[in-house]
Protein backbone atom coordinates (compact mmCIF):
# COMPACT_ATOMS: atom_id res chain seq x y z
CA MET A 1 117.67 104.03 114.54
CA LYS A 2 117.37 107.16 113.30
CA CYS A 3 114.33 109.19 112.21
CA SER A 4 113.63 110.54 108.46
CA SER A 5 110.98 112.32 106.87
CA TYR A 6 110.26 113.41 103.17
CA LEU A 7 108.21 116.38 102.36
CA ASP A 8 107.98 118.39 98.97
CA GLY A 9 110.75 116.15 97.45
CA THR A 10 113.37 116.51 100.22
CA CYS A 11 114.26 114.13 102.50
CA PHE A 12 114.81 114.79 105.97
CA GLN A 13 116.68 112.79 108.34
CA THR A 14 117.53 113.72 112.14
CA ILE A 15 120.65 113.15 113.77
CA ASP A 16 118.65 111.79 117.11
CA GLN A 17 118.50 108.37 117.67
CA ILE A 18 114.73 107.61 118.47
CA LEU A 19 115.44 104.07 119.63
CA SER A 20 118.41 102.13 121.11
CA LEU A 21 119.14 98.54 119.35
CA GLU A 22 117.57 96.84 122.59
CA GLU A 23 114.33 98.24 122.35
CA CYS A 24 114.08 97.50 118.25
CA GLN A 25 114.79 94.15 118.94
CA HIS A 26 112.06 94.06 121.62
CA ALA A 27 109.51 95.56 119.35
CA ILE A 28 110.74 93.10 116.76
CA ASN A 29 110.58 90.09 119.30
CA THR A 30 107.14 91.23 120.57
CA ALA A 31 105.38 91.38 117.40
CA GLU A 32 106.75 88.10 116.02
CA ALA A 33 105.97 86.71 119.12
CA HIS A 34 102.32 87.97 118.88
CA ALA A 35 102.02 86.60 115.49
CA THR A 36 102.88 83.26 116.41
CA LYS A 37 100.95 83.07 119.41
CA SER A 38 97.74 84.57 117.03
CA LEU A 39 98.33 81.80 114.62
CA GLU A 40 98.35 78.90 116.96
CA GLN A 41 94.91 80.31 118.18
CA GLY A 42 93.50 80.17 114.63
CA GLU A 43 93.82 83.59 114.20
CA SER A 44 95.70 85.69 111.45
CA GLY A 45 98.97 86.53 112.78
CA TRP A 46 100.52 89.34 110.58
CA THR A 47 97.67 91.26 108.68
CA THR A 48 97.97 91.85 105.11
CA SER A 49 94.36 93.42 104.16
CA ARG A 50 94.25 96.51 106.37
CA HIS A 51 95.41 98.82 103.72
CA TYR A 52 93.41 98.25 100.64
CA ALA A 53 95.42 100.16 97.91
CA VAL A 54 98.77 99.71 99.19
CA PRO A 55 98.71 96.41 101.36
CA THR A 56 101.63 95.57 103.59
CA THR A 57 101.96 92.98 106.14
CA ASP A 58 101.57 94.38 109.58
CA ILE A 59 100.43 94.24 113.03
CA PRO A 60 98.09 97.20 114.46
CA LEU A 61 100.15 98.37 117.66
CA HIS A 62 96.75 98.62 119.53
CA GLN A 63 96.94 94.96 119.33
CA LEU A 64 100.28 94.86 120.97
CA ALA A 65 99.43 95.57 124.61
CA GLU A 66 103.15 95.00 125.80
CA LEU A 67 104.13 97.87 123.31
CA ARG A 68 100.93 99.79 123.20
CA THR A 69 102.06 102.05 126.72
CA TRP A 70 106.06 102.15 125.52
CA PHE A 71 104.86 103.48 122.27
CA TYR A 72 102.53 106.01 123.29
CA GLN A 73 105.31 107.40 125.99
CA LEU A 74 108.02 107.41 123.00
CA TRP A 75 105.47 109.32 120.92
CA LYS A 76 104.90 111.66 123.63
CA SER A 77 108.65 112.39 124.79
CA LYS A 78 110.70 111.90 121.52
CA ILE A 79 108.72 111.63 117.96
CA ARG A 80 106.06 114.37 118.61
CA PRO A 81 108.14 116.85 119.45
CA LEU A 82 110.59 115.84 116.92
CA LEU A 83 107.81 116.40 114.35
CA ARG A 84 106.74 119.46 115.78
CA LYS A 85 110.31 120.83 115.33
CA GLN A 86 110.55 119.26 111.94
CA PHE A 87 107.64 120.61 110.55
CA GLN A 88 107.53 123.92 112.57
CA LEU A 89 104.56 123.42 114.57
CA THR A 90 105.73 125.34 117.51
CA ASN A 91 105.96 129.26 117.56
CA SER A 92 109.21 130.63 119.37
CA HIS A 93 108.32 130.06 122.62
CA ASN A 94 107.71 126.15 121.96
CA VAL A 95 104.11 126.54 122.22
CA SER A 96 102.20 124.46 119.75
CA TYR A 97 99.85 126.45 117.57
CA ARG A 98 99.02 123.39 115.41
CA ASP A 99 99.27 119.98 116.37
CA ILE A 100 99.97 116.39 115.38
CA PHE A 101 98.05 113.27 116.47
CA LEU A 102 98.65 109.79 116.17
CA HIS A 103 96.19 108.33 113.75
CA ASP A 104 97.17 105.05 112.60
CA ALA A 105 100.27 103.02 114.07
CA PHE A 106 101.44 99.41 113.18
CA LEU A 107 104.56 97.46 113.09
CA VAL A 108 105.32 96.39 108.90
CA ARG A 109 107.14 93.17 108.35
CA TYR A 110 108.81 93.55 104.92
CA ASP A 111 109.77 90.44 102.90
CA ALA A 112 111.88 90.48 99.79
CA GLU A 113 110.01 87.17 98.82
CA ARG A 114 106.44 88.41 99.29
CA GLN A 115 106.66 91.92 98.73
CA ARG A 116 109.78 93.68 97.47
CA TYR A 117 108.52 97.37 97.28
CA LEU A 118 105.47 99.50 98.10
CA PRO A 119 104.53 102.07 95.06
CA PRO A 120 104.74 105.63 95.33
CA HIS A 121 101.43 106.46 97.28
CA PHE A 122 99.86 109.03 99.58
CA ASP A 123 98.79 108.18 103.40
CA GLU A 124 95.38 109.15 104.68
CA SER A 125 97.41 111.61 107.04
CA THR A 126 99.07 114.94 106.75
CA HIS A 127 102.56 113.41 108.00
CA SER A 128 103.61 110.14 108.25
CA PHE A 129 106.37 108.77 109.52
CA ILE A 130 108.57 105.38 109.54
CA ILE A 131 110.90 103.88 112.14
CA ALA A 132 113.14 101.10 111.03
CA LEU A 133 113.47 98.81 113.59
CA ASN A 134 116.54 97.02 111.78
CA SER A 135 119.25 98.11 109.55
CA ASP A 136 120.18 94.65 107.74
CA PHE A 137 118.51 95.55 104.85
CA LYS A 138 119.04 97.27 101.02
CA GLY A 139 116.49 99.94 99.66
CA GLY A 140 113.75 101.05 101.52
CA GLY A 141 113.81 104.69 100.32
């Protein structure tokens, strides 16, 4: 899927493909399997109370052992360099003089029946990004 960013009222979208369709489906399947197994063990499955002001139905990436290493490699090799370039966080010699760090990574599951939208809001970070894992939806700006 493609990566987009929103800054100062302007939406930026890269032409780089971040994930293959197979990688997207693997991430979805892994999260769904984790949630199912968690429920079978009497745990919560998908969480709904991690973000007080703007609650999402999600699973923190650190709970998904199978995806943790994969995502960290993706962060180091593709996402972080793309964000550094996008927000001009490197100088002309491609040396970072400011950096981007990962604060909170999670897979979100949106359901038109339960959560049709999130209100405009600020996250706890200076930058946020979303990678859509599927494309069979309407809206989601």
